[in-house]
């Protein structure tokens, strides 16, 4: 049984509410920090002190903010903005409205647990959920934190379980990972869940890197399984029913694999277990958690491919040679049969909704299409591809990099290079010529949860850049140059050094300014740095609403499709670990799928 599912009309009503809220507040999100002082942004948009804003935002994040008492004759406001001056006069009203128009406040999202419960509640054709795809060896599960950082490990584990359940629900064994990058998700789906995964990425270096990483992961999987099997044998030997009956166990007895003794009187399982555990302890990720491949790069080939002592063929009898040859042929045939269903195949290609998947994948069958943090237009393209391709039975798409989305109706943006832009996607918003603007989409990338804990914004670098813009306005006619300053702040030792590095990058004459003149700009604007801090917190407050509009547009698009029997927004990840935590999930009905087999 599925949980509460909102209709297309329900989603359209919520989108209408969000667009109404953003029509009043989006000007703040679209104000560029670079222009903060040159255009006196604070005075233009805010009629409060920075301290009032920061205090309200801080108390709101801690205790959901209690309403402040109104003045005797308050100005007429809309979402906290004065209707006459269009300036912010009531920060508490704005904060309450922002919470109400974010995805959690709108009540449109499923939890990951709700989705998994629904997927497991019914299998293909509405029957019982099928047995898990692939060959999962109990006790031999891959520990992702051994070869990924904590963020990636969290994402891969959470999403792979959902994808595997989607595959089971649809009765398919293939997955197409769009924008597969380094192949973490693809490799894990293949090795952990036994799915045949095709990872498609436009970067050949990513594809080659994913191929090599997958090769190492396979080796890691084999040694981990041997370790787990040996550990299980030890546990089984320790709790043998023979011991409970008082029967004496003899080393080497039939079925007594867990206690076969080595030359030093120690069991073989103990030797294998200690050898693997030694490798695991030697390459613990705590030694350098920033390095994704630390565990794999430190694995000893001797441990991964432990050679067993074998007599040379010349010393074998004819009968023994024939037996070994027969065993080898049988093992190779078995490996080919098993490997066909549990392979990750990295492919290099630029994909759009019009891409012919059969031209990329010869063995294409019905499949689930997925994307983990697909950048910019690739996320909406994945949804368009899902709708257009009958062989795609389900989709799970997590987007990111909203600032790289192309917008069809943004008057300040260039026309879309292809026929289809990334936003808006739905007929509902396209009929209203909706747009956000690039700066607003940049704001949507801010992480409210992280910023609330003091992470995420480098205020001084933004301050330096805004003051630099004042200098460029006052002393150089080319302050609107198309050239970019770039990442100068991280190399600068002081504000003066920052400005001089930036002027050289912009190919401007730095000799026009003395160090004292440059420093005077810093000292003049430093007392107003609080304004910038408060304004950025207003942007952060609006970020979930802008992201919500983009994601609701994608959900609305899915609801508009007759072939899609189920669609939902699902919070897959912890937003503190992974701020872009929402997935668009869709399923087609069996009647709307045409099998490709």
Foldseek 3Di string as FASTA:
>chain_A
DADDADFLVLLLVLLVLLVVLCVLVLVLLQDDLLCCPVVVVLVLAAPDDLVVLVVQLLVCVVPVGDADDDDPDDADDDQQAHPVRSHRDGNSSVLVSLCCSFCVNSVFADALVSLLCVLQPAAEPRHHQDDFAADADVQLADQQLLQAFPLVSQQLVLVLVSQSSLCRRHVHQEEEEEQCFQVPNVLNNLLHRLGEYEYEHQDVVRLVNNVVVSVLVVLVSQLSVLLRVLVVLLVCVVVPVCVVVVHDDDAPDPPSQNANADPVRGRPSVVSNVVVVVLCVVQPCVVPSVHNGSSSVSDDPCSSDVDDDDDDPVPDDPVVVVVVVVVVVVVVVVCVVSDVRRDYHYDHDDDFLPDDVCVVPVPDWQYAYEYDAAEAQVQVRSLSNCLVALSHFKYKYQYAHPLNWDACQDPVDDHDPDPDTSPQDAPSVVVVSDDSHNSLSVLLRAFLVQVSVVDDDPLVVSVLSNLLLVVCVVPNPCSVPPQDQPDQVVVAPDSLSSSVSSCVSVVHDPVVDDSVRSVVSCVVCVVVSSSVVSSSSSSNSNNSSSVNSNVSSSQSRLSPRPQWPDWGWYQSGDCNSPVSRIIIMTGGHPVSHDIPD
